[in-house]
Amino acid sequence: REQAKKMNVDSLRSNQNAAAESAEIRIAKAALTVCFLFVASWTPYGVMALIGAFGDQRLLTPGV
């Protein structure tokens, strides 16, 4: 930090900004992954519920 002051540069701040952006990108990726997994895991149930409500109910056997 003192060396940066002697050189009159804000390299430490740019480093902090880069770290903050990197953290934001990781958070965004994690949020997108959670959303994708939520949709992917509930899609089969949604399809079966729609078939039961609006489709041919004979397709839904007790095994399904």
Protein backbone atom coordinates (compact mmCIF):
# COMPACT_ATOMS: atom_id res chain seq x y z
CA ARG A 1 0.00 0.00 0.00
CA GLU A 2 2.78 2.40 0.88
CA GLN A 3 4.62 1.52 -2.30
CA ALA A 4 1.51 2.39 -4.32
CA LYS A 5 1.33 5.75 -2.53
CA LYS A 6 4.96 6.44 -3.40
CA MET A 7 4.26 5.63 -7.05
CA ASN A 8 1.07 7.74 -7.12
CA VAL A 9 -0.99 4.90 -8.57
CA ASP A 10 -4.35 3.49 -7.62
CA SER A 11 -3.46 -0.07 -8.48
CA LEU A 12 -4.82 -1.28 -5.18
CA ARG A 13 -8.22 0.19 -5.93
CA SER A 14 -8.32 -1.33 -9.38
CA ASN A 15 -7.42 -4.64 -7.79
CA GLN A 16 -10.31 -4.27 -5.36
CA ASN A 17 -12.66 -3.32 -8.20
CA ALA A 18 -11.60 -6.38 -10.17
CA ALA A 19 -12.16 -8.60 -7.14
CA ALA A 20 -15.61 -7.08 -6.59
CA GLU A 21 -16.54 -7.64 -10.24
CA SER A 22 -15.27 -11.21 -10.03
CA ALA A 23 -17.41 -11.81 -6.95
CA GLU A 24 -20.45 -10.32 -8.68
CA ILE A 25 -19.92 -12.58 -11.69
CA ARG A 26 -19.65 -15.64 -9.44
CA ILE A 27 -22.85 -14.64 -7.63
CA ALA A 28 -24.67 -14.14 -10.94
CA LYS A 29 -23.50 -17.54 -12.20
CA ALA A 30 -24.64 -19.20 -8.98
CA ALA A 31 -28.05 -17.51 -9.19
CA LEU A 32 -28.51 -18.59 -12.81
CA THR A 33 -27.48 -22.14 -11.93
CA VAL A 34 -29.99 -22.26 -9.07
CA CYS A 35 -32.77 -20.94 -11.32
CA PHE A 36 -31.94 -23.45 -14.07
CA LEU A 37 -31.85 -26.37 -11.63
CA PHE A 38 -35.16 -25.28 -10.09
CA VAL A 39 -36.87 -25.21 -13.49
CA ALA A 40 -35.22 -28.46 -14.60
CA SER A 41 -36.27 -30.31 -11.45
CA TRP A 42 -39.91 -29.12 -11.47
CA THR A 43 -40.53 -29.57 -15.22
CA PRO A 44 -41.45 -33.28 -15.01
CA TYR A 45 -44.00 -32.59 -12.28
CA GLY A 46 -45.43 -29.68 -14.26
CA VAL A 47 -45.79 -31.79 -17.38
CA MET A 48 -47.57 -34.56 -15.47
CA ALA A 49 -49.86 -32.05 -13.76
CA LEU A 50 -50.79 -30.49 -17.11
CA ILE A 51 -51.44 -33.90 -18.65
CA GLY A 52 -53.64 -34.75 -15.68
CA ALA A 53 -55.56 -31.50 -15.90
CA PHE A 54 -55.93 -31.02 -19.65
CA GLY A 55 -54.68 -34.16 -21.38
CA ASP A 56 -55.49 -37.82 -21.59
CA GLN A 57 -55.58 -39.01 -17.98
CA ARG A 58 -55.23 -42.62 -19.08
CA LEU A 59 -51.57 -41.84 -19.79
CA LEU A 60 -50.99 -41.31 -16.08
CA THR A 61 -50.68 -44.71 -14.50
CA PRO A 62 -50.05 -45.21 -10.76
CA GLY A 63 -46.43 -45.98 -11.60
CA VAL A 64 -46.03 -42.51 -13.04
